[in-house]
């Protein structure tokens, strides 16, 4: 805002004020302002230099801490799960592509991605997905995963397999305790082939994985079971956020 100029006051005896005195006052005022600015800039420079020194010291301390953390993480990875490098995924049709098929190919031979079938649903907020993986001879592994509301309900459900998949109904049943919170394994002999199913509770996750192997195949029952167990362990890692 610009203020209006004040009217000049007449000097005594009608004479103009002495010009020399005004000039001296202006020089004094200008010199004072310059001196104040120099002092202020000096203080600011000192503060900035001190701040930079403090930041450098803090940065050195932080870097040391990061190095320690890196060492701890490296040790944890070496002793962790074989599938620790798998990231968490959602239970949907895309989840089938997240599985590592190294164990499958080591035991079943080359994997045929074009033959893979998938399906998924989400009923009442409980997502589920099924995947069927084939080798070049069309021998397959079927995987089904669903998330329940209660972990105890899943464990009870898996435990009830003994009432249905028993000898009276044409199955060979055994409790599976190698992995998970509860588990069952049952087989059915069809004469020329044998179907093996692994049913495991992983917290609130209900995981079923099965395969049918023909007698004239080179894949042994032990190899088939190893692949089923591998899929169960991968499901435990991939869907850990649901447990």
Foldseek 3Di string as FASTA:
>chain_A
DDDDDDDDDADPPRDDDDPVVVVVVVVVVVVVVVVVVVVVVVVVVVVVVVVVVVVVVVVVVVVVVVVVVVVVVVVDVVPDDPVQVQAADDAFQVVVVSDDCPLVCVQVNAWDVVPKDKGWDQPPNKIKMKIWIAHPVRWIKIKIKIFDPFLVVLQVVQVCVCVPQPVVNQKPKDWDDPDAPTKIWIWHDPPQKMKIKIWHRHTRMTMIMMTIDGPPDPRDPVSVVVSRVSVVVVCCRHNVVRD
